[in-house]
Amino acid sequence: MQAGTRRLTLSNLDKVLYPADGFTKGEVIHYYSRIAPVLLPHLAGRPVTTIRFPDGVDGEQFFEKNTPKGAPPWLPTTRLPSSGSRSGRGPGTIEYPLLDELAALVWIANLAALELHVPQWTIGPGPTRRPPDRLVFDLDPGPDTTIVDCCRVAERLREVLIADGLTPVAKTSGSKGMQIYAGIRTRQPERPSTYAKTLAERFAAQTPELVTATMAKNHRHGKVFIDWSQNNPAKTTIAPYSLRGREHPTVSTPITWDEVHTCHHPDQLVFTADNVLDRIDDHGDLFAIVITTRAALPKRG
């Protein structure tokens, strides 16, 4: 396959990775090839962690932070300190892949890396971690709640973020919940977590029957968990436009605030690969504002 200026050898294109839909690896690669113009800017400069499904979504899956063996020599990588107990290929380091061109995206998709996860910061110059440039709130519906309940929390959160001078953007997780992002400027890596935690705890105090800011699963029944900890520099979230390794080829999809406001059934915010490609034709890149509009974090928190 020709991917930009590079020629790639692909394998097992007819292998079904989503059995419920008969969605093949070839279709996964086709999706990532088509979505690349809007996806790549949101991966640029960000070390990527993948979740690979070599035998499809019904088989075993595994996280992969280190660049896979056999990576092409043209693939850029960055070696960063490990934030966990496991070291990478060197003592206490991980060699992450950087997916900054179409060929890199196709190559990683050919490894059945369905999910792409990225941090809220970029690197450079060299293997140095820059301060965060994105704020994220991960809204996770607990038992007996759905993304509809997340939408109601998201609307309240939007009002506060706008009042604080930020420009919030919503996207589905591609699974059960959704995330709210805003482009930010800060020199302090810990500030986004502090700010997000303050808002999450305020929401939980105001409406304890609807919202929790506590990670413990036994506190989540009938509530939306506002996960502020995704702003920790050691954590990652699903990239916009990434596929998910669920039963169907659903996608983490940027959505309009009108869609958030009018959502009254979970099915309204379920988007598959084909849906998302059509949405790009209609809406363009709804997530672009996270790059183009960045504001200083307010003093609160």
Protein backbone atom coordinates (compact mmCIF):
# COMPACT_ATOMS: atom_id res chain seq x y z
CA MET A 1 0.00 0.00 0.00
CA GLN A 2 1.19 3.51 -0.79
CA ALA A 3 0.84 5.74 2.30
CA GLY A 4 2.03 9.23 1.51
CA THR A 5 5.61 8.88 0.26
CA ARG A 6 6.09 5.44 1.78
CA ARG A 7 5.29 1.97 0.51
CA LEU A 8 4.02 -0.44 3.16
CA THR A 9 3.47 -4.19 3.11
CA LEU A 10 0.21 -5.08 4.83
CA SER A 11 -0.99 -8.46 6.05
CA ASN A 12 -4.19 -10.41 6.71
CA LEU A 13 -6.46 -7.65 5.45
CA ASP A 14 -9.46 -10.00 5.39
CA LYS A 15 -9.05 -10.95 9.06
CA VAL A 16 -12.21 -10.01 10.95
CA LEU A 17 -11.45 -7.86 13.98
CA TYR A 18 -15.05 -6.97 14.89
CA PRO A 19 -16.99 -10.25 14.48
CA ALA A 20 -20.41 -8.71 15.25
CA ASP A 21 -20.09 -6.50 12.17
CA GLY A 22 -17.68 -8.52 10.04
CA PHE A 23 -15.40 -5.46 10.17
CA THR A 24 -11.98 -6.51 8.91
CA LYS A 25 -8.43 -5.31 9.45
CA GLY A 26 -8.54 -3.94 5.93
CA GLU A 27 -11.52 -1.80 6.92
CA VAL A 28 -9.71 -0.64 10.08
CA ILE A 29 -6.76 0.47 7.94
CA HIS A 30 -9.14 2.13 5.47
CA TYR A 31 -10.78 4.06 8.32
CA TYR A 32 -7.49 5.27 9.76
CA SER A 33 -6.27 6.22 6.30
CA ARG A 34 -9.39 8.28 5.63
CA ILE A 35 -9.52 9.93 9.07
CA ALA A 36 -5.78 10.71 9.12
CA PRO A 37 -6.07 14.39 8.02
CA VAL A 38 -8.11 15.26 11.14
CA LEU A 39 -6.59 12.69 13.51
CA LEU A 40 -2.88 13.35 12.97
CA PRO A 41 -2.88 16.94 14.33
CA HIS A 42 -4.20 15.57 17.64
CA LEU A 43 -1.43 12.95 17.81
CA ALA A 44 1.38 15.29 16.76
CA GLY A 45 4.18 15.38 19.32
CA ARG A 46 2.32 13.10 21.74
CA PRO A 47 3.76 9.71 22.72
CA VAL A 48 1.14 7.12 21.83
CA THR A 49 0.06 4.15 23.90
CA THR A 50 -1.90 1.57 21.93
CA ILE A 51 -4.25 -1.27 22.80
CA ARG A 52 -3.75 -4.10 20.35
CA PHE A 53 -6.27 -6.79 19.47
CA PRO A 54 -4.33 -9.29 17.33
CA ASP A 55 -7.21 -11.78 17.30
CA GLY A 56 -9.99 -9.21 17.18
CA VAL A 57 -12.10 -7.65 19.90
CA ASP A 58 -13.29 -11.04 21.15
CA GLY A 59 -9.72 -12.22 21.72
CA GLU A 60 -6.96 -11.16 24.06
CA GLN A 61 -5.89 -7.54 24.15
CA PHE A 62 -2.81 -5.82 25.51
CA PHE A 63 -1.54 -2.32 26.19
CA GLU A 64 1.67 -1.41 24.43
CA LYS A 65 3.71 1.65 25.36
CA ASN A 66 7.05 0.66 23.90
CA THR A 67 7.48 0.90 20.15
CA PRO A 68 6.73 -2.58 18.75
CA LYS A 69 9.62 -4.72 17.59
CA GLY A 70 10.25 -4.55 13.88
CA ALA A 71 9.23 -0.89 13.63
CA PRO A 72 10.42 0.71 10.38
CA PRO A 73 13.58 2.84 10.68
CA TRP A 74 11.70 5.95 9.56
CA LEU A 75 9.25 5.81 12.49
CA PRO A 76 10.13 8.54 15.02
CA THR A 77 10.18 7.54 18.68
CA THR A 78 10.88 9.26 21.98
CA ARG A 79 12.49 7.76 25.07
CA LEU A 80 10.93 9.05 28.29
CA PRO A 81 11.17 8.07 31.96
CA SER A 82 8.74 5.39 33.01
CA SER A 83 6.07 6.62 35.40
CA GLY A 84 5.25 3.13 36.61
CA SER A 85 7.08 0.28 38.27
CA ARG A 86 7.92 -1.46 35.01
CA SER A 87 10.82 -0.20 33.00
CA GLY A 88 10.98 0.02 29.25
CA ARG A 89 13.82 -1.02 26.99
CA GLY A 90 16.28 0.88 29.13
CA PRO A 91 16.36 1.19 32.91
CA GLY A 92 13.33 3.18 33.90
CA THR A 93 12.47 4.35 30.39
CA ILE A 94 9.89 3.70 27.71
CA GLU A 95 10.47 4.20 24.00
CA TYR A 96 7.14 5.51 22.71
CA PRO A 97 6.16 5.69 19.04
CA LEU A 98 5.23 9.06 17.55
CA LEU A 99 2.54 8.81 14.90
CA ASP A 100 3.09 11.96 12.89
CA GLU A 101 2.29 10.86 9.34
CA LEU A 102 -0.14 8.71 7.40
CA ALA A 103 2.35 5.85 6.97
CA ALA A 104 2.86 5.60 10.74
CA LEU A 105 -0.88 5.42 11.31
CA VAL A 106 -1.30 2.71 8.67
CA TRP A 107 1.66 0.77 10.02
CA ILE A 108 0.31 0.72 13.57
CA ALA A 109 -3.20 -0.17 12.36
CA ASN A 110 -1.71 -3.14 10.49
CA LEU A 111 -0.62 -4.43 13.92
CA ALA A 112 -4.30 -4.44 14.99
CA ALA A 113 -3.67 -1.46 17.28
CA LEU A 114 -7.31 -0.40 17.35
CA GLU A 115 -7.09 2.07 20.25
CA LEU A 116 -4.77 5.08 20.39
CA HIS A 117 -4.28 6.79 23.77
CA VAL A 118 -2.35 10.02 24.33
CA PRO A 119 -1.38 12.29 27.26
CA GLN A 120 -2.46 15.91 27.67
CA TRP A 121 1.07 17.14 26.83
CA THR A 122 3.53 17.06 23.96
CA ILE A 123 7.28 16.57 23.81
CA GLY A 124 10.08 18.76 22.54
CA PRO A 125 12.53 19.92 21.83
CA GLY A 126 14.12 16.51 22.14
CA PRO A 127 12.88 13.95 24.68
CA THR A 128 11.51 16.49 27.15
CA ARG A 129 7.94 16.71 28.37
CA ARG A 130 6.28 20.08 27.82
CA PRO A 131 3.68 21.45 30.26
CA PRO A 132 0.10 20.31 29.58
CA ASP A 133 -1.76 22.05 26.77
CA ARG A 134 -5.11 20.31 27.29
CA LEU A 135 -7.51 20.05 30.21
CA VAL A 136 -9.80 17.02 30.34
CA PHE A 137 -12.77 15.87 32.42
CA ASP A 138 -13.65 12.21 31.89
CA LEU A 139 -17.36 11.68 32.63
CA ASP A 140 -17.96 8.03 33.45
CA PRO A 141 -21.55 6.83 34.02
CA GLY A 142 -21.94 4.50 36.97
CA PRO A 143 -24.48 1.66 37.23
CA ASP A 144 -28.03 2.76 36.33
CA THR A 145 -26.72 5.83 34.49
CA THR A 146 -25.82 6.43 30.84
CA ILE A 147 -24.20 8.98 28.60
CA VAL A 148 -27.48 10.91 28.82
CA ASP A 149 -26.72 11.64 32.48
CA CYS A 150 -23.17 12.58 31.45
CA CYS A 151 -24.62 15.11 29.02
CA ARG A 152 -26.52 16.86 31.79
CA VAL A 153 -23.33 17.11 33.86
CA ALA A 154 -21.41 18.24 30.76
CA GLU A 155 -23.81 21.12 30.20
CA ARG A 156 -23.24 22.38 33.74
CA LEU A 157 -19.51 21.93 33.38
CA ARG A 158 -19.51 23.86 30.12
CA GLU A 159 -21.06 26.90 31.82
CA VAL A 160 -18.38 26.96 34.50
CA LEU A 161 -15.51 26.51 32.04
CA ILE A 162 -16.79 29.31 29.80
CA ALA A 163 -17.15 31.57 32.84
CA ASP A 164 -13.52 30.78 33.64
CA GLY A 165 -12.43 31.90 30.17
CA LEU A 166 -12.00 28.45 28.61
CA THR A 167 -13.51 27.03 25.41
CA PRO A 168 -14.84 23.53 26.15
CA VAL A 169 -15.25 20.82 23.54
CA ALA A 170 -17.15 17.55 24.02
CA LYS A 171 -16.45 14.12 22.60
CA THR A 172 -17.80 10.67 23.23
CA SER A 173 -15.47 8.09 24.68
CA GLY A 174 -16.60 5.58 22.08
CA SER A 175 -17.68 3.42 25.00
CA LYS A 176 -20.18 4.41 27.73
CA GLY A 177 -19.16 7.93 28.65
CA MET A 178 -17.74 11.16 27.31
CA GLN A 179 -14.99 13.69 27.86
CA ILE A 180 -14.88 17.47 28.03
CA TYR A 181 -11.67 19.16 26.88
CA ALA A 182 -10.31 22.67 26.68
CA GLY A 183 -7.08 24.02 25.28
CA ILE A 184 -4.99 25.59 28.04
CA ARG A 185 -1.75 27.40 28.77
CA THR A 186 0.13 26.61 31.96
CA ARG A 187 3.71 26.22 33.12
CA GLN A 188 2.82 23.96 36.05
CA PRO A 189 2.16 20.28 35.21
CA GLU A 190 0.10 19.77 38.37
CA ARG A 191 -2.24 22.75 37.85
CA PRO A 192 -4.76 21.05 35.50
CA SER A 193 -5.34 18.21 37.98
CA THR A 194 -5.76 20.67 40.87
CA TYR A 195 -8.22 22.81 38.93
CA ALA A 196 -10.20 19.82 37.63
CA LYS A 197 -10.38 18.24 41.08
CA THR A 198 -11.70 21.46 42.58
CA LEU A 199 -14.54 21.61 40.04
CA ALA A 200 -15.34 17.90 40.33
CA GLU A 201 -15.57 18.10 44.11
CA ARG A 202 -17.73 21.22 43.90
CA PHE A 203 -20.16 19.47 41.55
CA ALA A 204 -20.25 16.43 43.85
CA ALA A 205 -20.99 18.68 46.84
CA GLN A 206 -23.74 20.57 44.99
CA THR A 207 -25.51 17.46 43.64
CA PRO A 208 -24.27 14.43 45.60
CA GLU A 209 -27.18 12.35 44.34
CA LEU A 210 -26.03 12.85 40.72
CA VAL A 211 -22.22 13.29 40.75
CA THR A 212 -19.24 11.76 42.49
CA ALA A 213 -15.62 12.84 42.39
CA THR A 214 -14.49 9.67 44.17
CA MET A 215 -12.82 6.90 42.21
CA ALA A 216 -14.13 4.07 44.41
CA LYS A 217 -16.63 2.03 42.40
CA ASN A 218 -18.98 1.57 45.35
CA HIS A 219 -19.62 5.34 45.29
CA ARG A 220 -20.72 5.42 41.66
CA HIS A 221 -24.14 3.74 41.65
CA GLY A 222 -26.68 6.03 40.00
CA LYS A 223 -24.07 8.76 39.57
CA VAL A 224 -21.69 10.22 37.03
CA PHE A 225 -18.07 10.02 38.09
CA ILE A 226 -16.10 13.13 37.09
CA ASP A 227 -12.62 11.71 36.69
CA TRP A 228 -10.34 14.70 37.16
CA SER A 229 -7.26 12.49 37.53
CA GLN A 230 -6.89 12.06 33.77
CA ASN A 231 -4.95 15.34 33.92
CA ASN A 232 -2.14 13.60 35.79
CA PRO A 233 0.88 13.76 33.43
CA ALA A 234 1.34 10.00 33.86
CA LYS A 235 -2.12 9.23 32.45
CA THR A 236 -3.57 9.06 28.96
CA THR A 237 -7.04 9.28 27.43
CA ILE A 238 -8.46 7.89 24.23
CA ALA A 239 -7.51 10.10 21.29
CA PRO A 240 -10.25 11.85 19.31
CA TYR A 241 -11.24 9.77 16.27
CA SER A 242 -9.68 6.60 17.69
CA LEU A 243 -11.55 3.34 17.27
CA ARG A 244 -12.48 1.44 20.41
CA GLY A 245 -12.06 -2.26 21.01
CA ARG A 246 -15.73 -2.84 21.76
CA GLU A 247 -18.29 -5.15 20.15
CA HIS A 248 -18.80 -2.73 17.27
CA PRO A 249 -16.25 -0.39 15.60
CA THR A 250 -17.29 2.64 17.62
CA VAL A 251 -15.19 5.78 17.62
CA SER A 252 -14.35 8.43 20.22
CA THR A 253 -16.20 11.19 18.41
CA PRO A 254 -16.16 14.98 18.85
CA ILE A 255 -19.73 16.25 19.11
CA THR A 256 -21.48 19.61 19.05
CA TRP A 257 -23.00 21.19 22.13
CA ASP A 258 -26.37 21.03 20.39
CA GLU A 259 -25.94 17.26 20.23
CA VAL A 260 -25.10 17.22 23.94
CA HIS A 261 -28.16 19.33 24.75
CA THR A 262 -30.59 17.26 22.66
CA CYS A 263 -29.32 13.84 23.76
CA HIS A 264 -32.11 11.96 25.53
CA HIS A 265 -31.18 8.39 24.58
CA PRO A 266 -27.74 6.73 24.60
CA ASP A 267 -28.07 5.58 20.98
CA GLN A 268 -28.04 9.20 19.84
CA LEU A 269 -24.34 9.47 20.67
CA VAL A 270 -23.06 6.16 19.31
CA PHE A 271 -20.92 6.63 16.22
CA THR A 272 -19.13 3.96 14.21
CA ALA A 273 -16.26 4.38 11.77
CA ASP A 274 -18.55 4.94 8.79
CA ASN A 275 -20.64 7.49 10.70
CA VAL A 276 -17.57 9.48 11.68
CA LEU A 277 -16.23 9.70 8.14
CA ASP A 278 -19.59 11.11 7.07
CA ARG A 279 -19.55 13.56 10.01
CA ILE A 280 -16.21 14.97 8.91
CA ASP A 281 -17.79 15.88 5.59
CA ASP A 282 -20.61 17.66 7.43
CA HIS A 283 -18.84 19.22 10.43
CA GLY A 284 -15.11 19.22 9.70
CA ASP A 285 -12.88 18.70 12.74
CA LEU A 286 -14.94 19.70 15.79
CA PHE A 287 -11.92 19.01 18.00
CA ALA A 288 -9.64 21.49 16.22
CA ILE A 289 -10.62 24.29 18.61
CA VAL A 290 -8.66 22.54 21.37
CA ILE A 291 -5.52 23.33 19.37
CA THR A 292 -6.48 26.74 18.01
CA THR A 293 -8.01 28.23 21.19
CA ARG A 294 -5.94 28.00 24.33
CA ALA A 295 -6.41 30.06 27.48
CA ALA A 296 -4.61 30.40 30.77
CA LEU A 297 -6.00 28.29 33.58
CA PRO A 298 -7.87 30.45 36.11
CA LYS A 299 -6.52 30.90 39.61
CA ARG A 300 -9.30 28.81 41.15
CA GLY A 301 -7.98 25.57 42.62
